[in-house]
Amino acid sequence: MKKLVSLLTMWVVFMATAVAQNKIPISSNDYSNSSIEMADAFRSEGKIYVVVAVIVALWAGMLVYLISTDRKISKLEKLLNN
């Protein structure tokens, strides 16, 4: 039963990724484009700082979580060794 569920899950994920691969074709104009309009718009409107702040907050949260988990594991290892 577990194998059947695993295979079904893998098939669903495979099909989802296959459908997600419908891409826009790349033209020669795309290679000569040197500006990024979205980044320029974010920078001019001051929204780029919000994006950077969210990214930094996410990384800081993950770092704090990893450090706290490491400390808990270290305490458990010390208790196990004693």
N, C-alpha and C. Protein backbone atom coordinates (compact mmCIF):
# COMPACT_ATOMS: atom_id res chain seq x y z
N MET A 1 0.81 -1.19 0.00
CA MET A 1 0.00 0.00 0.00
C MET A 1 0.86 1.26 0.00
N LYS A 2 1.96 1.22 0.80
CA LYS A 2 2.84 2.37 0.85
C LYS A 2 3.50 2.62 -0.50
N LYS A 3 3.85 1.53 -1.19
CA LYS A 3 4.48 1.68 -2.50
C LYS A 3 3.51 2.30 -3.50
N LEU A 4 2.25 1.88 -3.41
CA LEU A 4 1.25 2.43 -4.32
C LEU A 4 1.04 3.92 -4.08
N VAL A 5 0.97 4.31 -2.82
CA VAL A 5 0.81 5.73 -2.49
C VAL A 5 2.04 6.52 -2.93
N SER A 6 3.22 5.95 -2.71
CA SER A 6 4.45 6.63 -3.13
C SER A 6 4.50 6.81 -4.64
N LEU A 7 4.16 5.75 -5.36
CA LEU A 7 4.17 5.85 -6.82
C LEU A 7 3.14 6.85 -7.32
N LEU A 8 1.97 6.84 -6.72
CA LEU A 8 0.93 7.79 -7.11
C LEU A 8 1.37 9.23 -6.83
N THR A 9 1.98 9.45 -5.69
CA THR A 9 2.47 10.78 -5.35
C THR A 9 3.56 11.23 -6.32
N MET A 10 4.48 10.33 -6.63
CA MET A 10 5.54 10.68 -7.58
C MET A 10 4.97 10.98 -8.95
N TRP A 11 3.96 10.23 -9.37
CA TRP A 11 3.33 10.48 -10.67
C TRP A 11 2.66 11.84 -10.69
N VAL A 12 1.95 12.19 -9.61
CA VAL A 12 1.27 13.49 -9.54
C VAL A 12 2.29 14.63 -9.59
N VAL A 13 3.37 14.49 -8.85
CA VAL A 13 4.41 15.53 -8.86
C VAL A 13 5.04 15.64 -10.25
N PHE A 14 5.30 14.50 -10.88
CA PHE A 14 5.89 14.52 -12.21
C PHE A 14 4.97 15.21 -13.21
N MET A 15 3.69 14.89 -13.15
CA MET A 15 2.74 15.51 -14.07
C MET A 15 2.60 17.01 -13.81
N ALA A 16 2.64 17.40 -12.55
CA ALA A 16 2.54 18.82 -12.21
C ALA A 16 3.76 19.58 -12.74
N THR A 17 4.94 19.00 -12.63
CA THR A 17 6.13 19.68 -13.14
C THR A 17 6.15 19.69 -14.67
N ALA A 18 5.61 18.64 -15.28
CA ALA A 18 5.56 18.60 -16.74
C ALA A 18 4.63 19.69 -17.28
N VAL A 19 3.52 19.91 -16.61
CA VAL A 19 2.58 20.95 -17.04
C VAL A 19 3.17 22.33 -16.79
N ALA A 20 3.97 22.46 -15.74
CA ALA A 20 4.54 23.76 -15.39
C ALA A 20 5.66 24.17 -16.34
N GLN A 21 6.08 23.29 -17.23
CA GLN A 21 7.19 23.59 -18.12
C GLN A 21 6.79 24.32 -19.40
N ASN A 22 5.54 24.72 -19.53
CA ASN A 22 5.12 25.49 -20.70
C ASN A 22 5.76 26.87 -20.62
N LYS A 23 6.79 27.08 -21.41
CA LYS A 23 7.58 28.31 -21.32
C LYS A 23 7.33 29.19 -22.52
N ILE A 24 7.65 30.47 -22.34
CA ILE A 24 7.59 31.44 -23.43
C ILE A 24 8.88 31.29 -24.23
N PRO A 25 8.82 31.21 -25.54
CA PRO A 25 10.05 31.05 -26.32
C PRO A 25 10.97 32.28 -26.19
N ILE A 26 12.26 32.02 -26.21
CA ILE A 26 13.26 33.09 -26.09
C ILE A 26 13.64 33.54 -27.49
N SER A 27 13.65 34.87 -27.67
CA SER A 27 14.03 35.42 -28.97
C SER A 27 15.39 36.10 -28.87
N SER A 28 15.91 36.54 -29.99
CA SER A 28 17.21 37.20 -29.99
C SER A 28 17.15 38.55 -29.29
N ASN A 29 15.97 39.18 -29.22
CA ASN A 29 15.84 40.46 -28.51
C ASN A 29 16.05 40.28 -27.01
N ASP A 30 15.75 39.10 -26.49
CA ASP A 30 15.93 38.85 -25.07
C ASP A 30 17.40 38.86 -24.67
N TYR A 31 18.28 38.44 -25.58
CA TYR A 31 19.70 38.41 -25.26
C TYR A 31 20.33 39.80 -25.29
N SER A 32 19.77 40.72 -26.04
CA SER A 32 20.33 42.06 -26.12
C SER A 32 19.73 43.00 -25.08
N ASN A 33 18.75 42.53 -24.30
CA ASN A 33 18.12 43.36 -23.28
C ASN A 33 19.06 43.49 -22.09
N SER A 34 19.45 44.71 -21.74
CA SER A 34 20.38 44.92 -20.63
C SER A 34 19.73 45.56 -19.42
N SER A 35 18.44 45.89 -19.49
CA SER A 35 17.77 46.50 -18.35
C SER A 35 16.69 45.57 -17.82
N ILE A 36 16.45 45.70 -16.54
CA ILE A 36 15.42 44.90 -15.89
C ILE A 36 14.37 45.88 -15.39
N GLU A 37 13.23 45.92 -16.08
CA GLU A 37 12.22 46.92 -15.78
C GLU A 37 11.65 46.76 -14.38
N MET A 38 11.43 45.52 -13.94
CA MET A 38 10.83 45.29 -12.63
C MET A 38 11.75 45.82 -11.53
N ALA A 39 13.04 45.55 -11.62
CA ALA A 39 13.97 46.01 -10.60
C ALA A 39 14.07 47.52 -10.62
N ASP A 40 14.06 48.11 -11.80
CA ASP A 40 14.10 49.57 -11.89
C ASP A 40 12.86 50.21 -11.29
N ALA A 41 11.70 49.60 -11.53
CA ALA A 41 10.46 50.13 -10.97
C ALA A 41 10.46 49.98 -9.45
N PHE A 42 10.90 48.83 -8.94
CA PHE A 42 10.97 48.64 -7.49
C PHE A 42 11.92 49.64 -6.86
N ARG A 43 13.05 49.87 -7.52
CA ARG A 43 14.04 50.80 -6.97
C ARG A 43 13.52 52.22 -6.99
N SER A 44 12.85 52.61 -8.06
CA SER A 44 12.37 54.00 -8.16
C SER A 44 11.23 54.28 -7.19
N GLU A 45 10.42 53.25 -6.89
CA GLU A 45 9.30 53.43 -5.97
C GLU A 45 9.65 53.12 -4.53
N GLY A 46 10.88 52.68 -4.27
CA GLY A 46 11.30 52.37 -2.92
C GLY A 46 10.84 51.00 -2.42
N LYS A 47 10.23 50.20 -3.28
CA LYS A 47 9.74 48.89 -2.87
C LYS A 47 10.85 47.85 -2.76
N ILE A 48 11.99 48.13 -3.34
CA ILE A 48 13.09 47.18 -3.30
C ILE A 48 13.55 46.96 -1.86
N TYR A 49 13.41 47.99 -1.03
CA TYR A 49 13.81 47.87 0.38
C TYR A 49 12.87 46.94 1.13
N VAL A 50 11.61 46.93 0.74
CA VAL A 50 10.65 46.01 1.35
C VAL A 50 11.01 44.58 0.96
N VAL A 51 11.35 44.37 -0.27
CA VAL A 51 11.73 43.03 -0.74
C VAL A 51 12.98 42.55 0.00
N VAL A 52 13.97 43.42 0.11
CA VAL A 52 15.21 43.06 0.80
C VAL A 52 14.93 42.79 2.27
N ALA A 53 14.08 43.59 2.89
CA ALA A 53 13.76 43.39 4.31
C ALA A 53 13.05 42.06 4.54
N VAL A 54 12.15 41.69 3.64
CA VAL A 54 11.45 40.40 3.78
C VAL A 54 12.43 39.25 3.63
N ILE A 55 13.32 39.35 2.66
CA ILE A 55 14.31 38.29 2.45
C ILE A 55 15.23 38.16 3.66
N VAL A 56 15.69 39.29 4.19
CA VAL A 56 16.56 39.26 5.37
C VAL A 56 15.82 38.69 6.57
N ALA A 57 14.55 39.06 6.74
CA ALA A 57 13.77 38.53 7.86
C ALA A 57 13.59 37.02 7.75
N LEU A 58 13.35 36.53 6.54
CA LEU A 58 13.21 35.08 6.35
C LEU A 58 14.51 34.36 6.68
N TRP A 59 15.62 34.87 6.19
CA TRP A 59 16.91 34.23 6.46
C TRP A 59 17.24 34.28 7.95
N ALA A 60 16.94 35.41 8.60
CA ALA A 60 17.21 35.53 10.03
C ALA A 60 16.34 34.54 10.81
N GLY A 61 15.09 34.41 10.42
CA GLY A 61 14.21 33.46 11.09
C GLY A 61 14.69 32.03 10.94
N MET A 62 15.13 31.67 9.74
CA MET A 62 15.66 30.32 9.53
C MET A 62 16.93 30.10 10.34
N LEU A 63 17.78 31.11 10.42
CA LEU A 63 19.02 30.99 11.19
C LEU A 63 18.73 30.81 12.67
N VAL A 64 17.80 31.59 13.21
CA VAL A 64 17.43 31.46 14.63
C VAL A 64 16.84 30.08 14.89
N TYR A 65 16.00 29.61 13.99
CA TYR A 65 15.40 28.28 14.15
C TYR A 65 16.47 27.19 14.14
N LEU A 66 17.42 27.29 13.22
CA LEU A 66 18.49 26.28 13.15
C LEU A 66 19.37 26.29 14.39
N ILE A 67 19.68 27.48 14.88
CA ILE A 67 20.52 27.59 16.08
C ILE A 67 19.79 27.01 17.29
N SER A 68 18.51 27.35 17.43
CA SER A 68 17.77 26.82 18.58
C SER A 68 17.61 25.30 18.49
N THR A 69 17.39 24.79 17.29
CA THR A 69 17.29 23.35 17.12
C THR A 69 18.62 22.67 17.43
N ASP A 70 19.72 23.27 17.03
CA ASP A 70 21.03 22.72 17.32
C ASP A 70 21.29 22.68 18.82
N ARG A 71 20.89 23.74 19.52
CA ARG A 71 21.08 23.76 20.97
C ARG A 71 20.25 22.67 21.66
N LYS A 72 19.02 22.48 21.20
CA LYS A 72 18.18 21.44 21.79
C LYS A 72 18.77 20.06 21.54
N ILE A 73 19.27 19.84 20.34
CA ILE A 73 19.88 18.54 20.02
C ILE A 73 21.14 18.32 20.85
N SER A 74 21.92 19.37 21.05
CA SER A 74 23.13 19.25 21.86
C SER A 74 22.78 18.89 23.30
N LYS A 75 21.73 19.50 23.86
CA LYS A 75 21.30 19.16 25.22
C LYS A 75 20.85 17.71 25.30
N LEU A 76 20.10 17.25 24.30
CA LEU A 76 19.66 15.86 24.29
C LEU A 76 20.83 14.89 24.17
N GLU A 77 21.84 15.24 23.38
CA GLU A 77 23.02 14.38 23.25
C GLU A 77 23.76 14.31 24.57
N LYS A 78 23.87 15.43 25.28
CA LYS A 78 24.55 15.41 26.58
C LYS A 78 23.79 14.55 27.57
N LEU A 79 22.45 14.65 27.57
CA LEU A 79 21.65 13.83 28.46
C LEU A 79 21.78 12.35 28.11
N LEU A 80 21.87 12.06 26.84
CA LEU A 80 21.96 10.68 26.40
C LEU A 80 23.33 10.07 26.77
N ASN A 81 24.37 10.87 26.69
CA ASN A 81 25.71 10.38 27.01
C ASN A 81 25.91 10.19 28.51
N ASN A 82 25.18 10.92 29.32
CA ASN A 82 25.33 10.80 30.78
C ASN A 82 24.51 9.71 31.29
